[in-house]
Amino acid sequence: MDGYVYVEVDDKLRKLLDTIFTDEFMQTHTNFDNFEGFQYSSAVITNWKSDHMVYAQLLMDNFVKESTCFSGWEEMVKCAADERFGKSA
């Protein structure tokens, strides 16, 4: 499936996403007050509650471009992790 991303989601990944996407991060860098709002608005792209997320990379990146200051999902995740845990040297 070219252009699609498949991610196995477990409680550990869900907790990590909730940890890095703080309300402060979301309010500073996105059009959302919290990560829950981001997930709700992007629910047409992927099922965030599923054990197996499948989404079109282009659709997710376009959603991120339109609703955040990032050029895509990977950049958003990296920035959130860097802000939360500090950049590695």
N, C-alpha and C. Protein backbone atom coordinates (compact mmCIF):
# COMPACT_ATOMS: atom_id res chain seq x y z
N MET A 1 0.84 -1.18 0.00
CA MET A 1 0.00 0.00 0.00
C MET A 1 0.89 1.24 0.00
N ASP A 2 1.28 1.66 -1.18
CA ASP A 2 2.11 2.85 -1.31
C ASP A 2 1.39 4.08 -0.76
N GLY A 3 2.15 4.88 -0.01
CA GLY A 3 1.61 6.12 0.52
C GLY A 3 0.87 5.98 1.82
N TYR A 4 0.73 4.75 2.32
CA TYR A 4 0.04 4.53 3.58
C TYR A 4 1.03 4.12 4.66
N VAL A 5 0.73 4.51 5.88
CA VAL A 5 1.55 4.17 7.02
C VAL A 5 0.75 3.25 7.93
N TYR A 6 1.41 2.21 8.41
CA TYR A 6 0.78 1.25 9.32
C TYR A 6 1.55 1.30 10.63
N VAL A 7 0.85 1.53 11.74
CA VAL A 7 1.49 1.63 13.04
C VAL A 7 0.74 0.75 14.03
N GLU A 8 1.46 -0.15 14.70
CA GLU A 8 0.85 -0.91 15.78
C GLU A 8 0.82 0.00 17.01
N VAL A 9 -0.34 0.10 17.61
CA VAL A 9 -0.53 1.01 18.74
C VAL A 9 -0.84 0.20 19.99
N ASP A 10 -0.04 0.44 21.01
CA ASP A 10 -0.29 -0.19 22.30
C ASP A 10 -0.38 0.90 23.37
N ASP A 11 -0.61 0.50 24.60
CA ASP A 11 -0.75 1.48 25.67
C ASP A 11 0.51 2.32 25.86
N LYS A 12 1.66 1.72 25.61
CA LYS A 12 2.93 2.44 25.75
C LYS A 12 3.01 3.59 24.75
N LEU A 13 2.64 3.35 23.49
CA LEU A 13 2.66 4.40 22.48
C LEU A 13 1.63 5.48 22.80
N ARG A 14 0.45 5.07 23.21
CA ARG A 14 -0.59 6.05 23.56
C ARG A 14 -0.12 6.96 24.69
N LYS A 15 0.53 6.37 25.69
CA LYS A 15 1.03 7.15 26.82
C LYS A 15 2.13 8.10 26.37
N LEU A 16 3.01 7.64 25.46
CA LEU A 16 4.07 8.49 24.94
C LEU A 16 3.49 9.69 24.20
N LEU A 17 2.51 9.45 23.33
CA LEU A 17 1.89 10.56 22.59
C LEU A 17 1.24 11.55 23.55
N ASP A 18 0.56 11.06 24.56
CA ASP A 18 -0.06 11.95 25.55
C ASP A 18 1.00 12.72 26.33
N THR A 19 2.17 12.12 26.54
CA THR A 19 3.25 12.76 27.28
C THR A 19 3.90 13.88 26.47
N ILE A 20 4.15 13.63 25.19
CA ILE A 20 4.85 14.65 24.40
C ILE A 20 3.92 15.75 23.90
N PHE A 21 2.67 15.42 23.65
CA PHE A 21 1.74 16.43 23.15
C PHE A 21 0.98 17.06 24.32
N THR A 22 1.71 17.86 25.09
CA THR A 22 1.12 18.54 26.23
C THR A 22 0.15 19.62 25.75
N ASP A 23 -0.71 20.06 26.64
CA ASP A 23 -1.63 21.15 26.29
C ASP A 23 -0.83 22.39 25.88
N GLU A 24 0.26 22.67 26.58
CA GLU A 24 1.09 23.83 26.27
C GLU A 24 1.66 23.72 24.85
N PHE A 25 2.18 22.55 24.50
CA PHE A 25 2.71 22.33 23.16
C PHE A 25 1.62 22.55 22.12
N MET A 26 0.48 21.95 22.33
CA MET A 26 -0.61 22.04 21.35
C MET A 26 -1.09 23.48 21.19
N GLN A 27 -1.19 24.22 22.29
CA GLN A 27 -1.66 25.60 22.23
C GLN A 27 -0.64 26.52 21.57
N THR A 28 0.64 26.21 21.72
CA THR A 28 1.70 27.02 21.14
C THR A 28 1.89 26.75 19.65
N HIS A 29 1.80 25.49 19.24
CA HIS A 29 2.19 25.11 17.89
C HIS A 29 1.05 24.69 16.96
N THR A 30 -0.17 24.61 17.50
CA THR A 30 -1.28 24.12 16.68
C THR A 30 -2.52 25.00 16.87
N ASN A 31 -3.57 24.68 16.15
CA ASN A 31 -4.85 25.37 16.30
C ASN A 31 -5.74 24.70 17.34
N PHE A 32 -5.16 23.82 18.15
CA PHE A 32 -5.92 23.04 19.12
C PHE A 32 -5.49 23.35 20.55
N ASP A 33 -6.43 23.20 21.48
CA ASP A 33 -6.12 23.41 22.89
C ASP A 33 -5.41 22.22 23.50
N ASN A 34 -5.64 21.03 22.92
CA ASN A 34 -5.04 19.81 23.48
C ASN A 34 -4.95 18.73 22.40
N PHE A 35 -4.25 17.66 22.73
CA PHE A 35 -4.06 16.58 21.77
C PHE A 35 -5.37 15.87 21.47
N GLU A 36 -6.25 15.83 22.42
CA GLU A 36 -7.56 15.21 22.20
C GLU A 36 -8.31 15.92 21.07
N GLY A 37 -8.25 17.24 21.04
CA GLY A 37 -8.89 18.00 19.97
C GLY A 37 -8.27 17.70 18.61
N PHE A 38 -6.95 17.56 18.58
CA PHE A 38 -6.25 17.21 17.36
C PHE A 38 -6.70 15.84 16.87
N GLN A 39 -6.77 14.88 17.78
CA GLN A 39 -7.19 13.52 17.42
C GLN A 39 -8.63 13.53 16.91
N TYR A 40 -9.50 14.25 17.58
CA TYR A 40 -10.90 14.31 17.18
C TYR A 40 -11.03 14.88 15.77
N SER A 41 -10.30 15.97 15.50
CA SER A 41 -10.39 16.62 14.20
C SER A 41 -9.77 15.78 13.08
N SER A 42 -8.79 14.96 13.41
CA SER A 42 -8.15 14.13 12.39
C SER A 42 -8.71 12.72 12.35
N ALA A 43 -9.83 12.50 13.01
CA ALA A 43 -10.44 11.16 13.05
C ALA A 43 -10.89 10.68 11.67
N VAL A 44 -11.10 11.60 10.75
CA VAL A 44 -11.46 11.18 9.39
C VAL A 44 -10.25 10.59 8.66
N ILE A 45 -9.05 10.85 9.17
CA ILE A 45 -7.82 10.35 8.56
C ILE A 45 -7.41 9.01 9.14
N THR A 46 -7.59 8.84 10.43
CA THR A 46 -7.20 7.59 11.08
C THR A 46 -8.03 7.36 12.34
N ASN A 47 -8.09 6.12 12.78
CA ASN A 47 -8.77 5.76 14.01
C ASN A 47 -7.73 5.72 15.12
N TRP A 48 -7.69 6.76 15.93
CA TRP A 48 -6.69 6.88 16.99
C TRP A 48 -6.87 5.85 18.09
N LYS A 49 -8.04 5.26 18.20
CA LYS A 49 -8.30 4.29 19.28
C LYS A 49 -8.03 2.85 18.86
N SER A 50 -7.72 2.66 17.60
CA SER A 50 -7.47 1.33 17.07
C SER A 50 -6.13 0.79 17.55
N ASP A 51 -6.01 -0.53 17.57
CA ASP A 51 -4.73 -1.17 17.90
C ASP A 51 -3.78 -1.14 16.70
N HIS A 52 -4.33 -0.84 15.53
CA HIS A 52 -3.54 -0.76 14.30
C HIS A 52 -3.98 0.48 13.53
N MET A 53 -3.18 1.52 13.59
CA MET A 53 -3.50 2.74 12.85
C MET A 53 -2.98 2.62 11.42
N VAL A 54 -3.82 2.94 10.48
CA VAL A 54 -3.43 3.01 9.08
C VAL A 54 -3.90 4.36 8.57
N TYR A 55 -2.97 5.09 7.97
CA TYR A 55 -3.37 6.39 7.43
C TYR A 55 -2.55 6.73 6.19
N ALA A 56 -3.11 7.56 5.35
CA ALA A 56 -2.41 8.04 4.17
C ALA A 56 -1.45 9.15 4.61
N GLN A 57 -0.18 8.95 4.33
CA GLN A 57 0.85 9.92 4.74
C GLN A 57 0.54 11.32 4.22
N LEU A 58 0.14 11.42 2.95
CA LEU A 58 -0.15 12.72 2.35
C LEU A 58 -1.31 13.42 3.06
N LEU A 59 -2.38 12.69 3.36
CA LEU A 59 -3.51 13.29 4.06
C LEU A 59 -3.13 13.77 5.45
N MET A 60 -2.38 12.95 6.19
CA MET A 60 -1.97 13.33 7.55
C MET A 60 -1.06 14.55 7.49
N ASP A 61 -0.10 14.54 6.58
CA ASP A 61 0.82 15.68 6.47
C ASP A 61 0.07 16.95 6.08
N ASN A 62 -0.88 16.84 5.17
CA ASN A 62 -1.66 18.02 4.78
C ASN A 62 -2.49 18.54 5.94
N PHE A 63 -3.07 17.65 6.72
CA PHE A 63 -3.84 18.07 7.90
C PHE A 63 -2.92 18.81 8.87
N VAL A 64 -1.74 18.26 9.10
CA VAL A 64 -0.78 18.89 10.01
C VAL A 64 -0.37 20.26 9.47
N LYS A 65 -0.09 20.35 8.17
CA LYS A 65 0.29 21.63 7.56
C LYS A 65 -0.79 22.69 7.75
N GLU A 66 -2.05 22.28 7.61
CA GLU A 66 -3.17 23.22 7.69
C GLU A 66 -3.50 23.64 9.12
N SER A 67 -3.17 22.80 10.09
CA SER A 67 -3.64 23.08 11.45
C SER A 67 -2.51 23.28 12.47
N THR A 68 -1.26 23.28 12.00
CA THR A 68 -0.13 23.48 12.89
C THR A 68 0.93 24.32 12.18
N CYS A 69 2.03 24.55 12.87
CA CYS A 69 3.15 25.27 12.24
C CYS A 69 4.17 24.31 11.65
N PHE A 70 3.82 23.04 11.51
CA PHE A 70 4.74 22.02 11.01
C PHE A 70 4.41 21.63 9.57
N SER A 71 5.44 21.09 8.90
CA SER A 71 5.25 20.69 7.50
C SER A 71 4.70 19.27 7.38
N GLY A 72 4.68 18.52 8.48
CA GLY A 72 4.15 17.16 8.45
C GLY A 72 4.14 16.52 9.82
N TRP A 73 3.53 15.34 9.87
CA TRP A 73 3.35 14.60 11.12
C TRP A 73 4.68 14.26 11.78
N GLU A 74 5.64 13.76 11.01
CA GLU A 74 6.93 13.37 11.59
C GLU A 74 7.64 14.56 12.23
N GLU A 75 7.59 15.71 11.58
CA GLU A 75 8.22 16.91 12.14
C GLU A 75 7.52 17.31 13.45
N MET A 76 6.21 17.20 13.48
CA MET A 76 5.45 17.54 14.69
C MET A 76 5.82 16.62 15.85
N VAL A 77 5.90 15.33 15.58
CA VAL A 77 6.26 14.36 16.62
C VAL A 77 7.67 14.63 17.13
N LYS A 78 8.60 14.85 16.21
CA LYS A 78 9.99 15.09 16.60
C LYS A 78 10.12 16.34 17.46
N CYS A 79 9.46 17.42 17.06
CA CYS A 79 9.52 18.67 17.82
C CYS A 79 8.92 18.48 19.22
N ALA A 80 7.79 17.80 19.30
CA ALA A 80 7.15 17.57 20.60
C ALA A 80 8.06 16.75 21.51
N ALA A 81 8.69 15.71 20.96
CA ALA A 81 9.60 14.88 21.75
C ALA A 81 10.82 15.68 22.19
N ASP A 82 11.37 16.49 21.28
CA ASP A 82 12.52 17.33 21.63
C ASP A 82 12.18 18.31 22.74
N GLU A 83 11.01 18.93 22.65
CA GLU A 83 10.61 19.90 23.68
C GLU A 83 10.37 19.21 25.01
N ARG A 84 9.80 18.02 24.98
CA ARG A 84 9.47 17.32 26.21
C ARG A 84 10.69 16.70 26.88
N PHE A 85 11.56 16.11 26.07
CA PHE A 85 12.70 15.36 26.63
C PHE A 85 14.05 16.03 26.40
N GLY A 86 14.07 17.13 25.67
CA GLY A 86 15.32 17.81 25.38
C GLY A 86 15.97 17.23 24.15
N LYS A 87 16.60 18.08 23.37
CA LYS A 87 17.27 17.61 22.15
C LYS A 87 18.54 16.87 22.51
N SER A 88 18.81 15.80 21.77
CA SER A 88 20.05 15.06 21.99
C SER A 88 21.16 15.70 21.17
N ALA A 89 22.34 15.63 21.71
CA ALA A 89 23.48 16.26 21.04
C ALA A 89 24.06 15.38 19.97
